[in-house]
Amino acid sequence: MKEYVPIIVSVIAGLFALWSAVFTWRLKQFSEKRMREQSKEETVHDELKSLYIKIHETFEDLIKETRNYGKSDLNSRFSTLTAEVGILAPAEVISRYQQVADLYEEWAPLYLKAYPAPKNGFLLIQSPDPTLKYKEPEKEAYDRFYEEYKNLVNCLRSEIAVNT
């Protein structure tokens, strides 16, 4: 029986070494998989964050352009952004974005009617004021638009905070 003890010890040591190698290999696989998942989550979060910043920036630019009588190409600006929002954003953000875009498209023409662009640098004043009938609807449309825009921005902030 004494002659079998070194063989049994060697077999147990060999099995332990084999088990340790397999355990280390599985642990490394799990760790690498978790790192890949975490990297993917960070990438998705960064994409959403940049999209949300782009949404905020686009609406701010459109408001400024409208108030400064700038010419903006709504179709190209909204179509690209709408496509990105439709693919990347959650359903709540998509619906809020579409609502804000619709309200902007409602407000912008009213603003240009209520406050026409000065011609040759001069604003013509007429009596009675032909723009008076557009000023109240423009104000109401702007208030609705800006309220929904603030709600959209708050929604975007909360989405970023949740994913952080």
N, C-alpha and C. Protein backbone atom coordinates (compact mmCIF):
# COMPACT_ATOMS: atom_id res chain seq x y z
N MET A 1 0.80 -1.17 0.00
CA MET A 1 0.00 0.00 0.00
C MET A 1 0.86 1.26 0.00
N LYS A 2 2.04 1.18 0.64
CA LYS A 2 2.92 2.33 0.68
C LYS A 2 3.40 2.70 -0.70
N GLU A 3 3.55 1.78 -1.56
CA GLU A 3 4.04 2.08 -2.90
C GLU A 3 3.01 2.84 -3.75
N TYR A 4 1.72 2.81 -3.37
CA TYR A 4 0.67 3.50 -4.11
C TYR A 4 0.48 4.95 -3.66
N VAL A 5 0.94 5.32 -2.51
CA VAL A 5 0.75 6.67 -1.97
C VAL A 5 1.37 7.73 -2.90
N PRO A 6 2.62 7.56 -3.36
CA PRO A 6 3.16 8.59 -4.26
C PRO A 6 2.37 8.68 -5.56
N ILE A 7 1.86 7.58 -6.05
CA ILE A 7 1.07 7.60 -7.29
C ILE A 7 -0.25 8.32 -7.05
N ILE A 8 -0.91 8.05 -5.93
CA ILE A 8 -2.18 8.70 -5.61
C ILE A 8 -1.97 10.20 -5.43
N VAL A 9 -0.90 10.58 -4.72
CA VAL A 9 -0.60 12.00 -4.52
C VAL A 9 -0.35 12.66 -5.87
N SER A 10 0.38 12.02 -6.75
CA SER A 10 0.68 12.56 -8.08
C SER A 10 -0.60 12.73 -8.90
N VAL A 11 -1.49 11.74 -8.84
CA VAL A 11 -2.75 11.81 -9.58
C VAL A 11 -3.61 12.96 -9.05
N ILE A 12 -3.72 13.06 -7.71
CA ILE A 12 -4.51 14.15 -7.12
C ILE A 12 -3.90 15.50 -7.48
N ALA A 13 -2.60 15.65 -7.42
CA ALA A 13 -1.94 16.91 -7.79
C ALA A 13 -2.16 17.22 -9.27
N GLY A 14 -2.12 16.21 -10.10
CA GLY A 14 -2.36 16.40 -11.54
C GLY A 14 -3.79 16.85 -11.80
N LEU A 15 -4.75 16.19 -11.13
CA LEU A 15 -6.16 16.58 -11.28
C LEU A 15 -6.38 18.01 -10.77
N PHE A 16 -5.77 18.36 -9.66
CA PHE A 16 -5.90 19.71 -9.13
C PHE A 16 -5.32 20.74 -10.11
N ALA A 17 -4.17 20.42 -10.69
CA ALA A 17 -3.55 21.32 -11.67
C ALA A 17 -4.44 21.47 -12.90
N LEU A 18 -5.02 20.37 -13.36
CA LEU A 18 -5.93 20.40 -14.51
C LEU A 18 -7.17 21.22 -14.17
N TRP A 19 -7.74 20.99 -12.98
CA TRP A 19 -8.91 21.75 -12.55
C TRP A 19 -8.59 23.24 -12.45
N SER A 20 -7.43 23.58 -11.92
CA SER A 20 -7.02 24.99 -11.80
C SER A 20 -6.89 25.63 -13.17
N ALA A 21 -6.33 24.93 -14.14
CA ALA A 21 -6.18 25.47 -15.49
C ALA A 21 -7.54 25.70 -16.12
N VAL A 22 -8.45 24.74 -16.00
CA VAL A 22 -9.81 24.89 -16.57
C VAL A 22 -10.55 26.03 -15.88
N PHE A 23 -10.45 26.11 -14.55
CA PHE A 23 -11.11 27.17 -13.81
C PHE A 23 -10.59 28.54 -14.23
N THR A 24 -9.29 28.69 -14.36
CA THR A 24 -8.69 29.95 -14.79
C THR A 24 -9.13 30.31 -16.20
N TRP A 25 -9.15 29.32 -17.08
CA TRP A 25 -9.56 29.55 -18.46
C TRP A 25 -11.02 30.02 -18.51
N ARG A 26 -11.93 29.39 -17.75
CA ARG A 26 -13.35 29.78 -17.73
C ARG A 26 -13.52 31.17 -17.11
N LEU A 27 -12.77 31.45 -16.08
CA LEU A 27 -12.83 32.76 -15.44
C LEU A 27 -12.38 33.85 -16.41
N LYS A 28 -11.35 33.58 -17.17
CA LYS A 28 -10.86 34.55 -18.16
C LYS A 28 -11.90 34.76 -19.26
N GLN A 29 -12.55 33.69 -19.71
CA GLN A 29 -13.60 33.82 -20.72
C GLN A 29 -14.74 34.69 -20.20
N PHE A 30 -15.17 34.43 -18.98
CA PHE A 30 -16.24 35.22 -18.39
C PHE A 30 -15.85 36.69 -18.28
N SER A 31 -14.63 36.94 -17.84
CA SER A 31 -14.14 38.31 -17.69
C SER A 31 -14.10 39.03 -19.04
N GLU A 32 -13.61 38.36 -20.07
CA GLU A 32 -13.54 38.97 -21.41
C GLU A 32 -14.94 39.24 -21.95
N LYS A 33 -15.86 38.31 -21.73
CA LYS A 33 -17.24 38.49 -22.20
C LYS A 33 -17.86 39.69 -21.51
N ARG A 34 -17.66 39.83 -20.23
CA ARG A 34 -18.20 40.96 -19.48
C ARG A 34 -17.59 42.27 -19.96
N MET A 35 -16.32 42.28 -20.26
CA MET A 35 -15.65 43.49 -20.78
C MET A 35 -16.24 43.88 -22.14
N ARG A 36 -16.50 42.89 -23.01
CA ARG A 36 -17.10 43.17 -24.32
C ARG A 36 -18.50 43.75 -24.16
N GLU A 37 -19.30 43.16 -23.26
CA GLU A 37 -20.65 43.65 -23.02
C GLU A 37 -20.63 45.08 -22.47
N GLN A 38 -19.73 45.33 -21.55
CA GLN A 38 -19.61 46.66 -20.97
C GLN A 38 -19.19 47.68 -22.02
N SER A 39 -18.27 47.31 -22.88
CA SER A 39 -17.83 48.19 -23.95
C SER A 39 -18.98 48.48 -24.91
N LYS A 40 -19.76 47.46 -25.20
CA LYS A 40 -20.91 47.64 -26.10
C LYS A 40 -21.94 48.57 -25.46
N GLU A 41 -22.20 48.40 -24.17
CA GLU A 41 -23.14 49.27 -23.47
C GLU A 41 -22.65 50.72 -23.47
N GLU A 42 -21.37 50.92 -23.27
CA GLU A 42 -20.81 52.27 -23.28
C GLU A 42 -20.93 52.89 -24.66
N THR A 43 -20.72 52.10 -25.70
CA THR A 43 -20.83 52.60 -27.07
C THR A 43 -22.26 53.03 -27.35
N VAL A 44 -23.24 52.20 -26.97
CA VAL A 44 -24.65 52.54 -27.18
C VAL A 44 -25.00 53.81 -26.40
N HIS A 45 -24.54 53.90 -25.16
CA HIS A 45 -24.81 55.09 -24.35
C HIS A 45 -24.21 56.33 -24.99
N ASP A 46 -22.99 56.23 -25.49
CA ASP A 46 -22.34 57.37 -26.13
C ASP A 46 -23.07 57.79 -27.40
N GLU A 47 -23.56 56.81 -28.17
CA GLU A 47 -24.33 57.12 -29.38
C GLU A 47 -25.61 57.86 -29.02
N LEU A 48 -26.32 57.37 -28.01
CA LEU A 48 -27.55 58.04 -27.58
C LEU A 48 -27.27 59.44 -27.06
N LYS A 49 -26.22 59.57 -26.29
CA LYS A 49 -25.86 60.88 -25.74
C LYS A 49 -25.57 61.87 -26.87
N SER A 50 -24.81 61.45 -27.87
CA SER A 50 -24.51 62.35 -28.98
C SER A 50 -25.75 62.66 -29.79
N LEU A 51 -26.66 61.69 -29.93
CA LEU A 51 -27.92 61.93 -30.63
C LEU A 51 -28.76 62.95 -29.87
N TYR A 52 -28.84 62.81 -28.56
CA TYR A 52 -29.64 63.73 -27.75
C TYR A 52 -29.06 65.14 -27.81
N ILE A 53 -27.76 65.24 -27.81
CA ILE A 53 -27.13 66.56 -27.93
C ILE A 53 -27.44 67.15 -29.31
N LYS A 54 -27.41 66.32 -30.33
CA LYS A 54 -27.72 66.78 -31.69
C LYS A 54 -29.17 67.26 -31.79
N ILE A 55 -30.10 66.56 -31.14
CA ILE A 55 -31.50 66.98 -31.14
C ILE A 55 -31.62 68.36 -30.50
N HIS A 56 -31.03 68.51 -29.34
CA HIS A 56 -31.09 69.79 -28.61
C HIS A 56 -30.47 70.91 -29.44
N GLU A 57 -29.33 70.64 -30.01
CA GLU A 57 -28.62 71.63 -30.83
C GLU A 57 -29.44 72.02 -32.06
N THR A 58 -30.05 71.06 -32.71
CA THR A 58 -30.83 71.33 -33.93
C THR A 58 -32.01 72.24 -33.62
N PHE A 59 -32.74 71.94 -32.56
CA PHE A 59 -33.89 72.79 -32.24
C PHE A 59 -33.46 74.18 -31.81
N GLU A 60 -32.37 74.30 -31.07
CA GLU A 60 -31.88 75.63 -30.71
C GLU A 60 -31.49 76.42 -31.96
N ASP A 61 -30.80 75.76 -32.89
CA ASP A 61 -30.43 76.43 -34.15
C ASP A 61 -31.65 76.85 -34.94
N LEU A 62 -32.66 75.99 -34.99
CA LEU A 62 -33.87 76.32 -35.76
C LEU A 62 -34.62 77.49 -35.15
N ILE A 63 -34.67 77.55 -33.83
CA ILE A 63 -35.34 78.69 -33.18
C ILE A 63 -34.60 79.98 -33.51
N LYS A 64 -33.26 79.94 -33.41
CA LYS A 64 -32.47 81.13 -33.72
C LYS A 64 -32.61 81.54 -35.18
N GLU A 65 -32.55 80.56 -36.06
CA GLU A 65 -32.69 80.87 -37.50
C GLU A 65 -34.05 81.47 -37.80
N THR A 66 -35.08 80.97 -37.20
CA THR A 66 -36.43 81.49 -37.44
C THR A 66 -36.53 82.92 -36.93
N ARG A 67 -36.03 83.17 -35.73
CA ARG A 67 -36.13 84.51 -35.17
C ARG A 67 -35.22 85.52 -35.88
N ASN A 68 -34.16 85.03 -36.50
CA ASN A 68 -33.26 85.92 -37.25
C ASN A 68 -33.57 85.93 -38.73
N TYR A 69 -34.70 85.36 -39.10
CA TYR A 69 -35.17 85.30 -40.49
C TYR A 69 -34.19 84.57 -41.40
N GLY A 70 -33.49 83.62 -40.84
CA GLY A 70 -32.57 82.82 -41.64
C GLY A 70 -33.32 81.79 -42.46
N LYS A 71 -32.72 81.40 -43.53
CA LYS A 71 -33.31 80.37 -44.38
C LYS A 71 -32.78 79.02 -43.92
N SER A 72 -33.67 78.16 -43.50
CA SER A 72 -33.25 76.83 -43.08
C SER A 72 -33.99 75.80 -43.92
N ASP A 73 -33.30 74.76 -44.22
CA ASP A 73 -33.89 73.68 -45.00
C ASP A 73 -34.43 72.64 -44.02
N LEU A 74 -35.69 72.81 -43.65
CA LEU A 74 -36.29 71.93 -42.65
C LEU A 74 -36.28 70.47 -43.08
N ASN A 75 -36.57 70.23 -44.33
CA ASN A 75 -36.67 68.84 -44.77
C ASN A 75 -35.36 68.08 -44.59
N SER A 76 -34.24 68.67 -45.00
CA SER A 76 -32.98 67.94 -44.88
C SER A 76 -32.53 67.83 -43.43
N ARG A 77 -32.74 68.88 -42.64
CA ARG A 77 -32.31 68.84 -41.24
C ARG A 77 -33.14 67.85 -40.43
N PHE A 78 -34.45 67.87 -40.66
CA PHE A 78 -35.31 66.97 -39.90
C PHE A 78 -35.27 65.54 -40.42
N SER A 79 -35.10 65.35 -41.71
CA SER A 79 -35.14 63.98 -42.23
C SER A 79 -33.95 63.15 -41.72
N THR A 80 -32.77 63.74 -41.71
CA THR A 80 -31.60 63.02 -41.20
C THR A 80 -31.74 62.74 -39.71
N LEU A 81 -32.11 63.76 -38.97
CA LEU A 81 -32.25 63.61 -37.53
C LEU A 81 -33.40 62.66 -37.18
N THR A 82 -34.50 62.75 -37.90
CA THR A 82 -35.63 61.87 -37.65
C THR A 82 -35.26 60.42 -37.90
N ALA A 83 -34.47 60.17 -38.92
CA ALA A 83 -34.03 58.80 -39.20
C ALA A 83 -33.18 58.27 -38.04
N GLU A 84 -32.26 59.07 -37.56
CA GLU A 84 -31.42 58.64 -36.43
C GLU A 84 -32.25 58.42 -35.17
N VAL A 85 -33.17 59.33 -34.91
CA VAL A 85 -34.02 59.20 -33.73
C VAL A 85 -34.87 57.93 -33.84
N GLY A 86 -35.42 57.69 -35.02
CA GLY A 86 -36.26 56.51 -35.23
C GLY A 86 -35.52 55.21 -35.02
N ILE A 87 -34.23 55.19 -35.29
CA ILE A 87 -33.45 53.95 -35.16
C ILE A 87 -32.88 53.79 -33.76
N LEU A 88 -32.36 54.86 -33.19
CA LEU A 88 -31.59 54.74 -31.94
C LEU A 88 -32.38 55.01 -30.66
N ALA A 89 -33.36 55.89 -30.73
CA ALA A 89 -34.01 56.35 -29.50
C ALA A 89 -35.14 55.42 -29.05
N PRO A 90 -35.45 55.47 -27.76
CA PRO A 90 -36.60 54.71 -27.25
C PRO A 90 -37.92 55.33 -27.71
N ALA A 91 -39.00 54.59 -27.58
CA ALA A 91 -40.31 55.01 -28.10
C ALA A 91 -40.78 56.35 -27.52
N GLU A 92 -40.56 56.57 -26.23
CA GLU A 92 -41.00 57.82 -25.62
C GLU A 92 -40.28 59.02 -26.24
N VAL A 93 -39.00 58.90 -26.46
CA VAL A 93 -38.23 59.99 -27.06
C VAL A 93 -38.69 60.23 -28.50
N ILE A 94 -38.96 59.15 -29.22
CA ILE A 94 -39.42 59.29 -30.62
C ILE A 94 -40.73 60.07 -30.67
N SER A 95 -41.69 59.70 -29.83
CA SER A 95 -42.98 60.39 -29.88
C SER A 95 -42.85 61.85 -29.45
N ARG A 96 -42.06 62.12 -28.42
CA ARG A 96 -41.86 63.51 -28.00
C ARG A 96 -41.14 64.32 -29.09
N TYR A 97 -40.14 63.73 -29.71
CA TYR A 97 -39.41 64.40 -30.78
C TYR A 97 -40.35 64.76 -31.93
N GLN A 98 -41.17 63.81 -32.34
CA GLN A 98 -42.09 64.06 -33.45
C GLN A 98 -43.10 65.15 -33.10
N GLN A 99 -43.56 65.14 -31.86
CA GLN A 99 -44.50 66.16 -31.43
C GLN A 99 -43.85 67.55 -31.45
N VAL A 100 -42.62 67.64 -30.96
CA VAL A 100 -41.91 68.93 -30.95
C VAL A 100 -41.64 69.39 -32.39
N ALA A 101 -41.25 68.47 -33.27
CA ALA A 101 -40.99 68.84 -34.66
C ALA A 101 -42.27 69.36 -35.33
N ASP A 102 -43.39 68.70 -35.07
CA ASP A 102 -44.67 69.16 -35.63
C ASP A 102 -45.04 70.54 -35.10
N LEU A 103 -44.83 70.76 -33.80
CA LEU A 103 -45.14 72.06 -33.22
C LEU A 103 -44.21 73.15 -33.75
N TYR A 104 -42.95 72.80 -34.02
CA TYR A 104 -42.04 73.79 -34.62
C TYR A 104 -42.53 74.17 -36.01
N GLU A 105 -42.91 73.18 -36.79
CA GLU A 105 -43.38 73.45 -38.15
C GLU A 105 -44.68 74.25 -38.14
N GLU A 106 -45.44 74.15 -37.07
CA GLU A 106 -46.64 74.97 -36.93
C GLU A 106 -46.28 76.40 -36.53
N TRP A 107 -45.29 76.55 -35.64
CA TRP A 107 -44.94 77.87 -35.12
C TRP A 107 -44.14 78.72 -36.11
N ALA A 108 -43.19 78.13 -36.81
CA ALA A 108 -42.27 78.91 -37.66
C ALA A 108 -42.98 79.78 -38.71
N PRO A 109 -43.93 79.25 -39.48
CA PRO A 109 -44.60 80.12 -40.44
C PRO A 109 -45.42 81.23 -39.78
N LEU A 110 -46.01 80.93 -38.62
CA LEU A 110 -46.77 81.95 -37.90
C LEU A 110 -45.85 83.08 -37.44
N TYR A 111 -44.64 82.73 -37.01
CA TYR A 111 -43.70 83.76 -36.58
C TYR A 111 -43.35 84.69 -37.74
N LEU A 112 -43.12 84.12 -38.90
CA LEU A 112 -42.76 84.94 -40.06
C LEU A 112 -43.92 85.81 -40.52
N LYS A 113 -45.16 85.37 -40.27
CA LYS A 113 -46.32 86.20 -40.60
C LYS A 113 -46.53 87.28 -39.54
N ALA A 114 -46.32 86.95 -38.28
CA ALA A 114 -46.54 87.91 -37.20
C ALA A 114 -45.43 88.95 -37.14
N TYR A 115 -44.21 88.54 -37.49
CA TYR A 115 -43.07 89.45 -37.46
C TYR A 115 -42.33 89.34 -38.79
N PRO A 116 -42.84 89.98 -39.83
CA PRO A 116 -42.19 89.85 -41.14
C PRO A 116 -40.77 90.42 -41.13
N ALA A 117 -39.96 89.86 -41.99
CA ALA A 117 -38.56 90.29 -42.08
C ALA A 117 -38.49 91.72 -42.60
N PRO A 118 -37.59 92.50 -42.03
CA PRO A 118 -37.42 93.88 -42.53
C PRO A 118 -36.95 93.86 -43.98
N LYS A 119 -37.48 94.78 -44.79
CA LYS A 119 -37.09 94.86 -46.20
C LYS A 119 -36.03 95.94 -46.33
N ASN A 120 -34.89 95.56 -46.88
CA ASN A 120 -33.76 96.47 -47.06
C ASN A 120 -33.32 97.08 -45.73
N GLY A 121 -33.47 96.33 -44.65
CA GLY A 121 -33.03 96.81 -43.35
C GLY A 121 -34.03 97.69 -42.65
N PHE A 122 -35.18 97.95 -43.24
CA PHE A 122 -36.18 98.81 -42.64
C PHE A 122 -37.46 98.02 -42.38
N LEU A 123 -38.05 98.27 -41.24
CA LEU A 123 -39.31 97.64 -40.90
C LEU A 123 -40.41 98.63 -41.20
N LEU A 124 -41.32 98.22 -42.06
CA LEU A 124 -42.43 99.10 -42.42
C LEU A 124 -43.54 98.98 -41.38
N ILE A 125 -44.00 100.13 -40.91
CA ILE A 125 -45.07 100.15 -39.93
C ILE A 125 -46.31 100.68 -40.63
N GLN A 126 -47.39 99.90 -40.52
CA GLN A 126 -48.64 100.29 -41.18
C GLN A 126 -49.73 100.40 -40.13
N SER A 127 -50.71 101.21 -40.45
CA SER A 127 -51.85 101.32 -39.56
C SER A 127 -53.10 101.06 -40.38
N PRO A 128 -53.91 100.17 -40.07
CA PRO A 128 -53.85 99.19 -39.00
C PRO A 128 -52.80 98.13 -39.31
N ASP A 129 -52.29 97.54 -38.26
CA ASP A 129 -51.21 96.55 -38.37
C ASP A 129 -51.74 95.26 -38.99
N PRO A 130 -51.27 94.90 -40.21
CA PRO A 130 -51.76 93.67 -40.85
C PRO A 130 -51.24 92.40 -40.17
N THR A 131 -50.23 92.52 -39.33
CA THR A 131 -49.67 91.34 -38.66
C THR A 131 -50.34 91.06 -37.31
N LEU A 132 -51.21 91.96 -36.88
CA LEU A 132 -51.83 91.83 -35.56
C LEU A 132 -52.60 90.52 -35.40
N LYS A 133 -53.26 90.09 -36.46
CA LYS A 133 -54.07 88.87 -36.37
C LYS A 133 -53.21 87.61 -36.21
N TYR A 134 -51.90 87.71 -36.50
CA TYR A 134 -51.01 86.55 -36.38
C TYR A 134 -50.24 86.52 -35.05
N LYS A 135 -50.20 87.64 -34.35
CA LYS A 135 -49.36 87.72 -33.15
C LYS A 135 -49.86 86.84 -32.01
N GLU A 136 -51.14 86.83 -31.75
CA GLU A 136 -51.66 85.98 -30.67
C GLU A 136 -51.55 84.50 -31.01
N PRO A 137 -51.94 84.06 -32.22
CA PRO A 137 -51.74 82.64 -32.56
C PRO A 137 -50.26 82.24 -32.55
N GLU A 138 -49.38 83.16 -32.94
CA GLU A 138 -47.94 82.87 -32.93
C GLU A 138 -47.46 82.67 -31.51
N LYS A 139 -47.91 83.53 -30.59
CA LYS A 139 -47.50 83.41 -29.19
C LYS A 139 -48.00 82.09 -28.60
N GLU A 140 -49.25 81.75 -28.88
CA GLU A 140 -49.79 80.49 -28.37
C GLU A 140 -49.05 79.29 -28.95
N ALA A 141 -48.76 79.34 -30.25
CA ALA A 141 -48.04 78.24 -30.91
C ALA A 141 -46.63 78.12 -30.34
N TYR A 142 -45.98 79.25 -30.11
CA TYR A 142 -44.63 79.22 -29.54
C TYR A 142 -44.64 78.66 -28.13
N ASP A 143 -45.61 79.09 -27.33
CA ASP A 143 -45.70 78.58 -25.95
C ASP A 143 -45.90 77.07 -25.94
N ARG A 144 -46.79 76.56 -26.80
CA ARG A 144 -47.00 75.11 -26.89
C ARG A 144 -45.73 74.40 -27.35
N PHE A 145 -45.11 74.95 -28.39
CA PHE A 145 -43.87 74.37 -28.93
C PHE A 145 -42.78 74.35 -27.86
N TYR A 146 -42.56 75.48 -27.20
CA TYR A 146 -41.45 75.57 -26.25
C TYR A 146 -41.70 74.71 -25.01
N GLU A 147 -42.95 74.60 -24.59
CA GLU A 147 -43.28 73.75 -23.45
C GLU A 147 -42.96 72.28 -23.77
N GLU A 148 -43.37 71.84 -24.96
CA GLU A 148 -43.07 70.46 -25.37
C GLU A 148 -41.57 70.27 -25.59
N TYR A 149 -40.92 71.30 -26.10
CA TYR A 149 -39.47 71.24 -26.29
C TYR A 149 -38.76 71.06 -24.95
N LYS A 150 -39.19 71.82 -23.91
CA LYS A 150 -38.61 71.66 -22.58
C LYS A 150 -38.86 70.26 -22.04
N ASN A 151 -40.07 69.73 -22.28
CA ASN A 151 -40.38 68.37 -21.84
C ASN A 151 -39.48 67.35 -22.54
N LEU A 152 -39.22 67.57 -23.83
CA LEU A 152 -38.33 66.68 -24.59
C LEU A 152 -36.92 66.74 -24.00
N VAL A 153 -36.42 67.92 -23.73
CA VAL A 153 -35.07 68.07 -23.16
C VAL A 153 -34.99 67.39 -21.80
N ASN A 154 -36.01 67.55 -20.97
CA ASN A 154 -36.03 66.88 -19.67
C ASN A 154 -36.05 65.37 -19.83
N CYS A 155 -36.80 64.88 -20.80
CA CYS A 155 -36.86 63.45 -21.08
C CYS A 155 -35.47 62.95 -21.53
N LEU A 156 -34.80 63.73 -22.38
CA LEU A 156 -33.46 63.35 -22.85
C LEU A 156 -32.48 63.32 -21.68
N ARG A 157 -32.57 64.30 -20.81
CA ARG A 157 -31.68 64.33 -19.63
C ARG A 157 -31.92 63.10 -18.74
N SER A 158 -33.17 62.76 -18.53
CA SER A 158 -33.45 61.62 -17.66
C SER A 158 -32.99 60.32 -18.32
N GLU A 159 -33.10 60.22 -19.65
CA GLU A 159 -32.61 59.03 -20.36
C GLU A 159 -31.09 58.90 -20.21
N ILE A 160 -30.39 60.01 -20.31
CA ILE A 160 -28.93 59.99 -20.15
C ILE A 160 -28.57 59.61 -18.71
N ALA A 161 -29.30 60.16 -17.74
CA ALA A 161 -29.01 59.87 -16.34
C ALA A 161 -29.28 58.40 -16.01
N VAL A 162 -30.32 57.82 -16.59
CA VAL A 162 -30.65 56.42 -16.33
C VAL A 162 -29.56 55.51 -16.89
N ASN A 163 -29.04 55.85 -18.04
CA ASN A 163 -28.04 55.00 -18.69
C ASN A 163 -26.63 55.23 -18.18
N THR A 164 -26.44 56.18 -17.29
CA THR A 164 -25.09 56.46 -16.79
C THR A 164 -24.74 55.55 -15.65
